[in-house]
Amino acid sequence: MSKLPEEITSRKTFAIISHPDAGKTTLTEKLLYFGGAIREAGSVKGKKNTKHATSDWMEIEKQRGISVTSSVLEFHYKDHHINILDTPGHEDFSEDTYRTLTAADSATMLIDAAKGVEAQTEKLFKVCSMRGIPIFTFINKLDREVRDPFELMEEMEEILGIRSYPMNWPIGMGQNFYGIYDRHSKKVELFNSENPSDVEVKQTSGPEDPILDELVDPSFLAQFREEIELLDVAGDPYDEDKIFQGELTPVFFGSAISNFGVQNFLEHFLYFAPSPVGRESDQGVVEPVQDLFSGFIFKIQANMNPKHRDRIAFMRITSGKYTQGMNVNHVRLNKTIRLAQPTQFLAQDRSIVQEAYAGDIIGLFDPGTFRIGDTLAEKGTFQFAEMPHFSPEHFAAISVKDAMKHKSFEKGLQQLTEEGAIQLFHTYNRYPEQQIIGVVGELQFEVLEHRLKHEYKADIRMEHLPFSIARWISGDTEELEQFKKKQRNLAVDRDEKLVALFDNEFQMNMAKEKYPNLVFHENSFIG
């Protein structure tokens, strides 16, 4: 075990967060390319293109050119072992996106330099900032016509509440993009629009170095020098402690599709990004370097290989070392299980893991044993903090068209519920009983319909319902009985907990006023 601290320190596990179309999948591809994980970075543009992004493996993702599920990708770069949690960026993403962020030690926030901070980025940023993890910002598409960099940084502070420190700074932009200046190393990386991968690097003595006069148009150079002076005088000072605490974000400029500035970002990121840190459990903090193995399940994905009808539980290792075939305690079931053939991933491609360390993500074959949030430990009965659940915002009544397919329909619903793709409810005290699906983003309805049809051969009817809010109810027993008798639109979740469904906040607030001794919870972890 003497190499345990060294192995764990080399691990960097992070998520990439962004709004749709900011270039997240492209950035992921280029990072994998630098790690030698893929020979050629794929284009993710055309739906008819036969080449799809490495991280997009589900059939519906290939058809629509988007990421629907969160992929896990691992590769090596120099002395680092890197795990990327590639989260969906489209606006109709699912709870899976939120939960994946709990397995990351840091996040890279990708911003479109023409559009700035967008709604989805704001949502995902809030999840990261709640955990206080370091956030690194890559401002993308500098080779297009974009907004003023100072304006973008000001917007980040106004909308996200985070200050920024530019690690590098653009010289010009759009058609007049000359390259980036690294403020620490004082190197200039020159952009070649005709061959972006041909990056010329020049060492300078600073922004005033005469060598720049030979390389950059005088008007753009004068503007660049003014901007650097302004940053040095009025900008936030460089503060590593604030970066590690998630209070200051290092900012990098570049163009992922041109593969420009990506390596500069990667090398700085690996210097700053934290190695695995301790995790809270109900028996105190579990430190990554302790000898005993532990981990938690943060994602379950069925049918990654439809031919084999398999189901994979994704586990973040939180402490110690995994060795092939080891026995661990499944804490929720209080049962010893053997971890026989875990896998690691490059999207759908897998390899059997002989050993893995704290910070790594491994996939466990799941015959129905695991739930999201389960703790596995070599010894002990501690449990990691509950996984966050989010109240659904869209609802639909669901049934199967062909009664002969009822069994496979029910199996599909159960598996997709356990994956966290949907939340399943049943109407309360109503005959005939009705099944209701709740989702965070509307696209999940389309994903549900597609997967039930193609993976479980079950065609469904879906009737969209007017509800937009679900609240789990607890409180005074007598008042609760009154509520059950009088309140319309009640349901129970898969654990038989009572849930009230409301069309809007006005309806919900009326109920709160009428039943002051009841508590309306935003998630199912009551008490």
Protein backbone atom coordinates (compact mmCIF):
# COMPACT_ATOMS: atom_id res chain seq x y z
CA MET A 1 0.00 0.00 0.00
CA SER A 2 3.06 2.27 0.03
CA LYS A 3 2.11 3.72 -3.36
CA LEU A 4 -1.48 4.49 -2.27
CA PRO A 5 -0.98 8.25 -1.54
CA GLU A 6 0.96 8.69 -4.80
CA GLU A 7 -1.74 6.95 -6.87
CA ILE A 8 -4.54 8.93 -5.27
CA THR A 9 -2.74 12.26 -5.66
CA SER A 10 -2.37 11.60 -9.41
CA ARG A 11 -6.18 11.33 -9.80
CA LYS A 12 -8.16 14.29 -11.14
CA THR A 13 -11.92 13.76 -11.37
CA PHE A 14 -13.97 16.59 -12.80
CA ALA A 15 -17.20 17.42 -14.61
CA ILE A 16 -17.71 19.77 -17.55
CA ILE A 17 -20.76 22.02 -17.23
CA SER A 18 -22.24 24.26 -19.90
CA HIS A 19 -25.34 25.43 -21.76
CA PRO A 20 -26.35 23.63 -24.98
CA ASP A 21 -24.11 24.35 -27.98
CA ALA A 22 -21.32 26.00 -25.97
CA GLY A 23 -18.97 23.29 -27.30
CA LYS A 24 -18.75 20.96 -24.31
CA THR A 25 -18.66 17.67 -26.21
CA THR A 26 -16.05 19.16 -28.55
CA LEU A 27 -13.88 20.24 -25.60
CA THR A 28 -14.20 16.74 -24.10
CA GLU A 29 -13.07 15.18 -27.38
CA LYS A 30 -10.01 17.45 -27.57
CA LEU A 31 -9.00 16.65 -23.98
CA LEU A 32 -9.22 12.93 -24.79
CA TYR A 33 -7.17 13.58 -27.91
CA PHE A 34 -4.35 15.12 -25.86
CA GLY A 35 -4.48 12.12 -23.55
CA GLY A 36 -4.03 9.78 -26.52
CA ALA A 37 -7.39 8.17 -25.76
CA ILE A 38 -8.60 8.81 -29.31
CA ARG A 39 -6.56 9.19 -32.48
CA GLU A 40 -8.86 11.72 -34.07
CA ALA A 41 -11.18 14.17 -32.36
CA GLY A 42 -14.67 13.56 -33.77
CA SER A 43 -17.00 16.14 -35.23
CA VAL A 44 -20.30 16.41 -33.40
CA LYS A 45 -22.08 18.64 -35.91
CA GLY A 46 -24.32 16.94 -38.43
CA LYS A 47 -26.98 14.45 -37.40
CA LYS A 48 -26.40 12.61 -40.66
CA ASN A 49 -22.67 12.45 -40.10
CA THR A 50 -21.62 8.87 -39.44
CA LYS A 51 -18.99 9.99 -36.94
CA HIS A 52 -20.36 10.73 -33.50
CA ALA A 53 -18.68 12.13 -30.41
CA THR A 54 -16.93 9.46 -28.35
CA SER A 55 -18.95 10.46 -25.28
CA ASP A 56 -22.36 10.15 -27.00
CA TRP A 57 -23.27 6.47 -27.24
CA MET A 58 -27.05 6.14 -26.92
CA GLU A 59 -28.96 5.83 -30.21
CA ILE A 60 -31.12 8.91 -29.55
CA GLU A 61 -27.95 10.93 -28.88
CA LYS A 62 -26.51 9.95 -32.26
CA GLN A 63 -29.75 10.89 -34.02
CA ARG A 64 -30.04 14.32 -32.40
CA GLY A 65 -26.36 15.21 -31.95
CA ILE A 66 -26.76 15.87 -28.22
CA SER A 67 -25.76 14.25 -24.92
CA VAL A 68 -28.72 12.75 -23.03
CA THR A 69 -26.99 10.72 -20.32
CA SER A 70 -23.85 11.49 -18.36
CA SER A 71 -20.85 9.62 -19.72
CA VAL A 72 -17.72 8.69 -17.79
CA LEU A 73 -14.42 8.95 -19.66
CA GLU A 74 -10.96 8.19 -18.32
CA PHE A 75 -7.52 8.77 -19.80
CA HIS A 76 -3.90 9.52 -18.83
CA TYR A 77 -1.95 12.70 -19.45
CA LYS A 78 1.68 12.89 -18.36
CA ASP A 79 1.67 11.69 -14.71
CA HIS A 80 -2.05 12.23 -14.18
CA HIS A 81 -4.95 9.79 -14.25
CA ILE A 82 -7.97 11.81 -15.37
CA ASN A 83 -11.67 10.99 -15.03
CA ILE A 84 -14.09 13.25 -16.92
CA LEU A 85 -17.76 13.19 -16.03
CA ASP A 86 -19.33 14.41 -19.27
CA THR A 87 -22.76 15.77 -18.29
CA PRO A 88 -25.62 16.59 -20.67
CA GLY A 89 -25.75 20.26 -21.54
CA HIS A 90 -29.13 20.49 -23.29
CA GLU A 91 -31.87 22.41 -21.51
CA ASP A 92 -34.07 19.37 -20.97
CA PHE A 93 -31.53 17.45 -18.97
CA SER A 94 -32.40 15.09 -16.12
CA GLU A 95 -31.61 14.63 -12.45
CA ASP A 96 -28.77 12.40 -13.62
CA THR A 97 -26.87 15.58 -14.48
CA TYR A 98 -27.18 16.99 -10.98
CA ARG A 99 -26.23 13.72 -9.29
CA THR A 100 -23.19 13.21 -11.49
CA LEU A 101 -21.77 16.46 -10.10
CA THR A 102 -21.66 14.87 -6.62
CA ALA A 103 -18.97 12.47 -7.91
CA ALA A 104 -16.69 15.29 -9.13
CA ASP A 105 -13.91 17.02 -7.17
CA SER A 106 -13.94 20.08 -9.44
CA ALA A 107 -15.78 21.43 -12.47
CA THR A 108 -14.87 23.08 -15.75
CA MET A 109 -17.41 25.70 -16.78
CA LEU A 110 -17.56 26.24 -20.53
CA ILE A 111 -18.89 29.59 -21.77
CA ASP A 112 -19.68 30.60 -25.34
CA ALA A 113 -17.80 33.89 -25.83
CA ALA A 114 -20.61 35.26 -28.03
CA LYS A 115 -23.48 34.36 -25.69
CA GLY A 116 -21.98 34.65 -22.21
CA VAL A 117 -23.52 33.02 -19.13
CA GLU A 118 -26.67 31.13 -20.14
CA ALA A 119 -29.52 29.64 -18.11
CA GLN A 120 -28.31 26.04 -18.00
CA THR A 121 -24.81 27.04 -16.96
CA GLU A 122 -26.31 29.03 -14.09
CA LYS A 123 -28.32 26.01 -12.83
CA LEU A 124 -25.31 23.68 -12.94
CA PHE A 125 -23.01 26.30 -11.42
CA LYS A 126 -25.34 26.55 -8.40
CA VAL A 127 -25.09 22.79 -7.79
CA CYS A 128 -21.27 23.03 -7.91
CA SER A 129 -21.09 26.13 -5.70
CA MET A 130 -23.34 24.47 -3.07
CA ARG A 131 -20.59 21.89 -2.71
CA GLY A 132 -17.84 24.54 -2.66
CA ILE A 133 -15.76 22.78 -5.32
CA PRO A 134 -13.18 24.63 -7.45
CA ILE A 135 -14.52 25.86 -10.79
CA PHE A 136 -12.32 26.50 -13.83
CA THR A 137 -13.69 28.54 -16.73
CA PHE A 138 -12.94 28.02 -20.42
CA ILE A 139 -14.31 30.83 -22.61
CA ASN A 140 -14.79 29.23 -25.99
CA LYS A 141 -15.07 30.21 -29.69
CA LEU A 142 -12.59 33.12 -29.63
CA ASP A 143 -11.98 32.64 -33.35
CA ARG A 144 -15.53 33.93 -33.99
CA GLU A 145 -17.05 37.38 -33.46
CA VAL A 146 -17.52 37.51 -29.70
CA ARG A 147 -18.27 39.81 -26.78
CA ASP A 148 -15.72 41.89 -24.90
CA PRO A 149 -13.79 39.69 -22.42
CA PHE A 150 -14.22 42.23 -19.59
CA GLU A 151 -17.97 42.24 -20.23
CA LEU A 152 -18.04 38.43 -19.98
CA MET A 153 -16.15 38.44 -16.67
CA GLU A 154 -18.46 41.13 -15.28
CA GLU A 155 -21.49 39.04 -16.30
CA MET A 156 -20.04 36.00 -14.49
CA GLU A 157 -19.82 38.05 -11.31
CA GLU A 158 -23.32 39.53 -11.67
CA ILE A 159 -25.14 36.30 -12.53
CA LEU A 160 -23.04 33.65 -10.77
CA GLY A 161 -21.55 35.73 -7.95
CA ILE A 162 -18.00 34.52 -8.60
CA ARG A 163 -14.90 36.65 -9.22
CA SER A 164 -12.43 35.64 -11.90
CA TYR A 165 -8.71 35.69 -12.62
CA PRO A 166 -7.71 35.39 -16.31
CA MET A 167 -4.80 32.96 -16.58
CA ASN A 168 -4.39 33.93 -20.20
CA TRP A 169 -5.74 36.80 -22.29
CA PRO A 170 -6.79 37.00 -25.96
CA ILE A 171 -4.99 39.19 -28.47
CA GLY A 172 -7.78 40.30 -30.81
CA MET A 173 -10.82 38.15 -31.60
CA GLY A 174 -12.92 36.79 -34.46
CA GLN A 175 -11.26 37.34 -37.85
CA ASN A 176 -8.54 39.33 -36.09
CA PHE A 177 -7.74 36.71 -33.45
CA TYR A 178 -3.94 36.58 -33.09
CA GLY A 179 -3.66 34.22 -30.13
CA ILE A 180 -3.44 34.14 -26.34
CA TYR A 181 -0.93 35.53 -23.86
CA ASP A 182 -0.17 33.38 -20.77
CA ARG A 183 0.08 35.80 -17.86
CA HIS A 184 2.18 33.43 -15.73
CA SER A 185 4.69 32.00 -18.17
CA LYS A 186 4.65 35.18 -20.35
CA LYS A 187 4.40 32.99 -23.44
CA VAL A 188 2.35 33.90 -26.50
CA GLU A 189 0.56 31.16 -28.43
CA LEU A 190 -0.07 32.36 -31.97
CA PHE A 191 -3.26 31.35 -33.79
CA ASN A 192 -2.99 30.19 -37.40
CA SER A 193 -6.50 30.39 -38.91
CA GLU A 194 -5.50 28.27 -41.91
CA ASN A 195 -4.05 25.51 -39.74
CA PRO A 196 -5.21 25.96 -36.12
CA SER A 197 -3.36 22.85 -34.91
CA ASP A 198 -0.08 24.48 -35.97
CA VAL A 199 0.51 26.53 -32.79
CA GLU A 200 3.62 28.68 -32.65
CA VAL A 201 4.74 29.51 -29.09
CA LYS A 202 6.95 32.53 -28.39
CA GLN A 203 8.57 33.30 -25.04
CA THR A 204 8.38 37.01 -24.19
CA SER A 205 9.64 39.21 -21.39
CA GLY A 206 6.09 40.56 -20.97
CA PRO A 207 3.35 42.47 -22.84
CA GLU A 208 5.77 45.26 -23.83
CA ASP A 209 8.28 42.89 -25.47
CA PRO A 210 9.21 44.30 -28.95
CA ILE A 211 8.82 40.79 -30.42
CA LEU A 212 5.04 41.33 -30.26
CA ASP A 213 5.32 44.38 -32.51
CA GLU A 214 6.51 42.07 -35.29
CA LEU A 215 3.63 39.61 -34.79
CA VAL A 216 0.49 41.67 -34.11
CA ASP A 217 -1.24 44.55 -35.93
CA PRO A 218 -0.43 47.81 -34.04
CA SER A 219 -4.06 48.73 -33.20
CA PHE A 220 -4.85 45.28 -31.72
CA LEU A 221 -1.51 45.20 -29.91
CA ALA A 222 -2.15 48.61 -28.31
CA GLN A 223 -5.56 47.44 -27.12
CA PHE A 224 -4.06 44.20 -25.73
CA ARG A 225 -1.39 46.11 -23.79
CA GLU A 226 -4.01 48.45 -22.30
CA GLU A 227 -6.16 45.50 -21.24
CA ILE A 228 -3.27 43.67 -19.56
CA GLU A 229 -2.33 46.86 -17.69
CA LEU A 230 -5.94 47.24 -16.54
CA LEU A 231 -6.02 43.61 -15.35
CA ASP A 232 -2.76 44.04 -13.43
CA VAL A 233 -3.92 47.24 -11.74
CA ALA A 234 -7.66 46.75 -11.20
CA GLY A 235 -8.24 43.01 -11.63
CA ASP A 236 -8.55 40.45 -8.84
CA PRO A 237 -5.20 39.29 -7.47
CA TYR A 238 -4.06 35.72 -8.03
CA ASP A 239 -5.10 33.72 -4.91
CA GLU A 240 -4.67 29.92 -4.86
CA ASP A 241 -6.63 29.54 -1.60
CA LYS A 242 -9.67 31.25 -3.11
CA ILE A 243 -9.37 29.08 -6.24
CA PHE A 244 -9.34 25.88 -4.14
CA GLN A 245 -12.36 27.08 -2.11
CA GLY A 246 -14.39 27.82 -5.25
CA GLU A 247 -14.47 31.58 -4.55
CA LEU A 248 -12.28 32.62 -7.51
CA THR A 249 -12.37 31.00 -10.95
CA PRO A 250 -9.27 30.89 -13.17
CA VAL A 251 -10.34 31.89 -16.70
CA PHE A 252 -8.87 30.55 -19.95
CA PHE A 253 -9.63 31.71 -23.49
CA GLY A 254 -9.49 29.56 -26.61
CA SER A 255 -11.33 27.67 -29.32
CA ALA A 256 -12.15 24.01 -28.69
CA ILE A 257 -13.17 23.23 -32.26
CA SER A 258 -9.85 24.64 -33.53
CA ASN A 259 -8.04 22.85 -30.69
CA PHE A 260 -6.50 26.18 -29.74
CA GLY A 261 -5.82 27.02 -26.08
CA VAL A 262 -7.04 23.57 -24.96
CA GLN A 263 -3.60 22.22 -24.05
CA ASN A 264 -2.74 25.47 -22.25
CA PHE A 265 -5.96 25.05 -20.25
CA LEU A 266 -5.32 21.34 -19.55
CA GLU A 267 -1.82 21.88 -18.18
CA HIS A 268 -2.86 24.72 -15.88
CA PHE A 269 -5.97 22.82 -14.83
CA LEU A 270 -3.97 19.74 -13.79
CA TYR A 271 -1.75 21.94 -11.62
CA PHE A 272 -4.70 23.58 -9.84
CA ALA A 273 -7.41 20.91 -9.79
CA PRO A 274 -7.67 19.10 -6.47
CA SER A 275 -6.87 15.44 -6.06
CA PRO A 276 -9.60 13.41 -4.29
CA VAL A 277 -10.71 14.91 -0.98
CA GLY A 278 -12.51 13.50 2.07
CA ARG A 279 -16.27 12.75 1.94
CA GLU A 280 -18.86 13.29 4.67
CA SER A 281 -20.52 10.18 6.06
CA ASP A 282 -22.87 9.61 9.00
CA GLN A 283 -19.77 8.54 11.00
CA GLY A 284 -17.52 11.48 10.08
CA VAL A 285 -15.26 12.31 7.13
CA VAL A 286 -13.85 9.38 5.14
CA GLU A 287 -10.38 10.34 3.90
CA PRO A 288 -9.26 9.07 0.47
CA VAL A 289 -5.84 7.85 1.63
CA GLN A 290 -7.15 5.52 4.34
CA ASP A 291 -6.30 1.90 3.56
CA LEU A 292 -9.85 0.51 3.58
CA PHE A 293 -11.81 0.68 0.34
CA SER A 294 -15.15 2.53 0.13
CA GLY A 295 -17.33 4.10 -2.56
CA PHE A 296 -20.86 5.20 -3.46
CA ILE A 297 -23.22 4.64 -6.41
CA PHE A 298 -24.11 7.89 -8.18
CA LYS A 299 -25.59 6.63 -11.46
CA ILE A 300 -27.25 3.52 -12.86
CA GLN A 301 -27.46 2.95 -16.61
CA ALA A 302 -29.36 0.08 -18.21
CA ASN A 303 -28.72 -1.37 -21.66
CA MET A 304 -25.37 0.23 -22.48
CA ASN A 305 -25.09 -2.86 -24.66
CA PRO A 306 -28.70 -3.61 -25.79
CA LYS A 307 -27.68 -7.04 -27.11
CA HIS A 308 -26.79 -8.15 -23.59
CA ARG A 309 -29.57 -6.34 -21.67
CA ASP A 310 -26.97 -5.28 -19.14
CA ARG A 311 -27.21 -2.76 -16.35
CA ILE A 312 -24.22 -0.86 -14.96
CA ALA A 313 -23.99 0.92 -11.60
CA PHE A 314 -21.38 3.69 -11.66
CA MET A 315 -19.37 3.95 -8.44
CA ARG A 316 -17.08 6.74 -7.30
CA ILE A 317 -14.29 5.26 -5.16
CA THR A 318 -13.93 7.46 -2.10
CA SER A 319 -11.11 5.77 -0.19
CA GLY A 320 -8.42 3.11 -0.46
CA LYS A 321 -7.85 0.74 -3.33
CA TYR A 322 -10.05 -1.66 -5.29
CA THR A 323 -8.56 -5.02 -6.23
CA GLN A 324 -10.26 -7.46 -8.58
CA GLY A 325 -12.68 -9.87 -6.89
CA MET A 326 -12.63 -8.17 -3.47
CA ASN A 327 -15.55 -8.56 -1.04
CA VAL A 328 -17.31 -5.47 0.33
CA ASN A 329 -20.22 -4.67 2.62
CA HIS A 330 -23.35 -3.39 0.85
CA VAL A 331 -24.40 -1.14 3.72
CA ARG A 332 -28.10 -0.64 2.87
CA LEU A 333 -28.67 -4.39 2.46
CA ASN A 334 -26.20 -5.29 5.25
CA LYS A 335 -24.85 -7.95 2.94
CA THR A 336 -21.38 -8.99 1.74
CA ILE A 337 -21.01 -8.91 -2.05
CA ARG A 338 -18.13 -9.68 -4.38
CA LEU A 339 -17.01 -7.08 -6.91
CA ALA A 340 -16.07 -9.51 -9.65
CA GLN A 341 -15.46 -7.68 -12.95
CA PRO A 342 -15.76 -3.90 -12.65
CA THR A 343 -15.06 -1.92 -15.80
CA GLN A 344 -13.65 1.48 -16.72
CA PHE A 345 -14.97 3.47 -19.65
CA LEU A 346 -14.20 5.42 -22.73
CA ALA A 347 -17.92 6.06 -23.34
CA GLN A 348 -19.36 2.69 -24.48
CA ASP A 349 -15.94 1.01 -24.74
CA ARG A 350 -14.95 -0.79 -21.58
CA SER A 351 -12.00 -2.55 -20.05
CA ILE A 352 -11.90 -4.83 -17.01
CA VAL A 353 -10.29 -3.15 -14.01
CA GLN A 354 -7.54 -5.00 -12.15
CA GLU A 355 -7.11 -2.24 -9.59
CA ALA A 356 -8.48 1.28 -9.02
CA TYR A 357 -8.00 4.00 -6.43
CA ALA A 358 -9.90 6.75 -4.64
CA GLY A 359 -11.03 9.26 -7.26
CA ASP A 360 -11.62 6.64 -9.96
CA ILE A 361 -15.04 5.83 -11.42
CA ILE A 362 -15.75 2.17 -12.06
CA GLY A 363 -18.80 0.38 -13.44
CA LEU A 364 -20.29 -2.58 -11.56
CA PHE A 365 -22.53 -5.18 -13.20
CA ASP A 366 -25.89 -4.71 -11.50
CA PRO A 367 -28.42 -7.57 -11.33
CA GLY A 368 -30.79 -5.24 -9.44
CA THR A 369 -28.68 -5.02 -6.27
CA PHE A 370 -27.88 -1.30 -6.33
CA ARG A 371 -29.74 1.95 -5.88
CA ILE A 372 -28.45 5.46 -6.45
CA GLY A 373 -26.76 6.61 -3.23
CA ASP A 374 -25.74 3.12 -1.99
CA THR A 375 -22.52 2.95 0.04
CA LEU A 376 -20.06 0.04 -0.38
CA ALA A 377 -17.32 -0.39 2.20
CA GLU A 378 -14.56 -2.93 2.84
CA LYS A 379 -15.30 -2.64 6.56
CA GLY A 380 -17.84 -0.71 8.62
CA THR A 381 -21.47 0.36 8.32
CA PHE A 382 -21.09 4.08 7.60
CA GLN A 383 -23.14 5.68 4.85
CA PHE A 384 -22.31 8.67 2.69
CA ALA A 385 -24.68 11.63 2.57
CA GLU A 386 -27.93 11.14 0.65
CA MET A 387 -27.91 11.87 -3.07
CA PRO A 388 -29.82 15.03 -3.99
CA HIS A 389 -33.26 14.53 -5.52
CA PHE A 390 -34.98 17.37 -7.32
CA SER A 391 -38.69 18.01 -7.58
CA PRO A 392 -40.01 17.14 -11.06
CA GLU A 393 -41.34 20.05 -13.12
CA HIS A 394 -43.20 18.12 -15.86
CA PHE A 395 -45.72 15.29 -15.46
CA ALA A 396 -47.57 12.82 -17.68
CA ALA A 397 -49.97 9.90 -17.17
CA ILE A 398 -48.52 6.78 -18.81
CA SER A 399 -49.90 3.41 -19.93
CA VAL A 400 -48.90 0.64 -22.34
CA LYS A 401 -50.79 0.30 -25.65
CA ASP A 402 -50.56 -3.50 -25.89
CA ALA A 403 -51.66 -5.33 -22.71
CA MET A 404 -49.49 -8.29 -23.76
CA LYS A 405 -46.44 -6.04 -23.30
CA HIS A 406 -47.43 -5.05 -19.74
CA LYS A 407 -44.68 -7.09 -18.08
CA SER A 408 -41.83 -5.61 -20.14
CA PHE A 409 -43.40 -2.14 -19.80
CA GLU A 410 -43.37 -2.44 -15.98
CA LYS A 411 -39.79 -3.75 -16.05
CA GLY A 412 -38.71 -0.81 -18.20
CA LEU A 413 -40.41 1.71 -15.89
CA GLN A 414 -38.78 0.15 -12.84
CA GLN A 415 -35.31 0.17 -14.38
CA LEU A 416 -35.57 3.74 -15.68
CA THR A 417 -36.81 4.86 -12.25
CA GLU A 418 -33.84 3.19 -10.56
CA GLU A 419 -31.50 4.89 -13.06
CA GLY A 420 -32.94 8.22 -11.95
CA ALA A 421 -34.06 9.12 -15.49
CA ILE A 422 -37.68 9.48 -14.30
CA GLN A 423 -39.66 9.57 -11.06
CA LEU A 424 -42.65 7.22 -10.90
CA PHE A 425 -45.85 7.95 -8.95
CA HIS A 426 -49.22 6.23 -8.54
CA THR A 427 -52.46 8.10 -7.91
CA TYR A 428 -53.59 7.91 -4.27
CA ASN A 429 -57.05 6.58 -3.36
CA ARG A 430 -58.33 6.74 -6.90
CA TYR A 431 -59.81 3.96 -8.97
CA PRO A 432 -58.65 2.95 -11.49
CA GLU A 433 -55.13 3.65 -10.29
CA GLN A 434 -53.06 5.71 -12.71
CA GLN A 435 -49.29 5.75 -13.18
CA ILE A 436 -47.72 9.21 -13.42
CA ILE A 437 -44.21 10.04 -14.63
CA GLY A 438 -42.40 13.11 -13.28
CA VAL A 439 -39.27 14.52 -14.93
CA VAL A 440 -36.98 17.51 -14.41
CA GLY A 441 -36.66 18.29 -18.15
CA GLU A 442 -39.28 17.67 -20.86
CA LEU A 443 -36.85 15.89 -23.19
CA GLN A 444 -36.88 13.02 -20.68
CA PHE A 445 -40.39 12.14 -21.92
CA GLU A 446 -38.99 11.65 -25.41
CA VAL A 447 -36.05 9.64 -24.04
CA LEU A 448 -38.48 7.50 -21.98
CA GLU A 449 -40.70 6.78 -24.99
CA HIS A 450 -37.69 5.99 -27.21
CA ARG A 451 -36.07 3.67 -24.69
CA LEU A 452 -39.27 1.80 -23.76
CA LYS A 453 -39.94 1.17 -27.45
CA HIS A 454 -36.42 0.18 -28.50
CA GLU A 455 -35.07 -1.51 -25.37
CA TYR A 456 -38.26 -3.06 -23.91
CA LYS A 457 -40.44 -3.33 -27.08
CA ALA A 458 -43.26 -1.47 -25.32
CA ASP A 459 -45.26 1.26 -27.12
CA ILE A 460 -46.83 3.70 -24.70
CA ARG A 461 -49.61 6.28 -24.41
CA MET A 462 -48.63 9.49 -22.69
CA GLU A 463 -51.05 12.20 -21.57
CA HIS A 464 -49.33 15.39 -20.41
CA LEU A 465 -50.71 16.69 -17.11
CA PRO A 466 -50.94 20.34 -16.01
CA PHE A 467 -48.85 19.95 -12.83
CA SER A 468 -45.54 21.76 -12.41
CA ILE A 469 -44.78 21.14 -8.71
CA ALA A 470 -44.49 18.01 -6.54
CA ARG A 471 -44.21 18.22 -2.74
CA TRP A 472 -43.71 15.37 -0.28
CA ILE A 473 -46.00 15.80 2.74
CA SER A 474 -45.41 15.18 6.45
CA GLY A 475 -46.61 16.69 9.72
CA ASP A 476 -49.52 16.61 12.20
CA THR A 477 -51.35 13.27 11.89
CA GLU A 478 -54.89 14.66 12.29
CA GLU A 479 -54.31 17.48 9.82
CA LEU A 480 -52.67 15.03 7.39
CA GLU A 481 -55.83 12.87 7.42
CA GLN A 482 -57.93 15.97 6.63
CA PHE A 483 -55.52 16.86 3.82
CA LYS A 484 -55.81 13.37 2.33
CA LYS A 485 -59.64 13.60 2.31
CA LYS A 486 -59.91 17.12 0.88
CA GLN A 487 -56.90 17.54 -1.40
CA ARG A 488 -57.22 16.55 -5.03
CA ASN A 489 -54.26 15.27 -7.08
CA LEU A 490 -52.47 13.19 -4.49
CA ALA A 491 -49.99 10.45 -5.39
CA VAL A 492 -47.47 8.13 -3.75
CA ASP A 493 -43.89 7.60 -4.87
CA ARG A 494 -42.14 4.23 -5.27
CA ASP A 495 -41.47 4.16 -1.49
CA GLU A 496 -45.18 4.79 -0.78
CA LYS A 497 -44.50 8.33 0.49
CA LEU A 498 -47.36 10.78 0.01
CA VAL A 499 -46.90 13.46 -2.67
CA ALA A 500 -49.14 16.41 -3.55
CA LEU A 501 -49.15 17.64 -7.16
CA PHE A 502 -49.91 21.30 -7.90
CA ASP A 503 -50.47 23.21 -11.13
CA ASN A 504 -48.61 26.28 -9.86
CA GLU A 505 -47.17 28.07 -6.83
CA PHE A 506 -50.46 29.85 -6.10
CA GLN A 507 -52.21 26.48 -5.57
CA MET A 508 -49.36 25.25 -3.37
CA ASN A 509 -49.36 28.41 -1.23
CA MET A 510 -53.14 28.10 -0.72
CA ALA A 511 -52.61 24.56 0.60
CA LYS A 512 -49.82 25.73 2.93
CA GLU A 513 -52.09 28.42 4.39
CA LYS A 514 -54.98 26.00 4.86
CA TYR A 515 -52.79 23.31 6.50
CA PRO A 516 -50.23 25.22 8.62
CA ASN A 517 -49.15 22.11 10.56
CA LEU A 518 -48.06 20.20 7.47
CA VAL A 519 -44.60 20.39 5.92
CA PHE A 520 -44.24 20.53 2.11
CA HIS A 521 -40.84 19.02 1.23
CA GLU A 522 -39.09 19.62 -2.12
CA ASN A 523 -37.64 16.10 -2.11
CA SER A 524 -38.39 12.65 -0.79
CA PHE A 525 -35.88 12.64 2.09
CA ILE A 526 -38.43 13.51 4.76
CA GLY A 527 -37.14 13.79 8.32
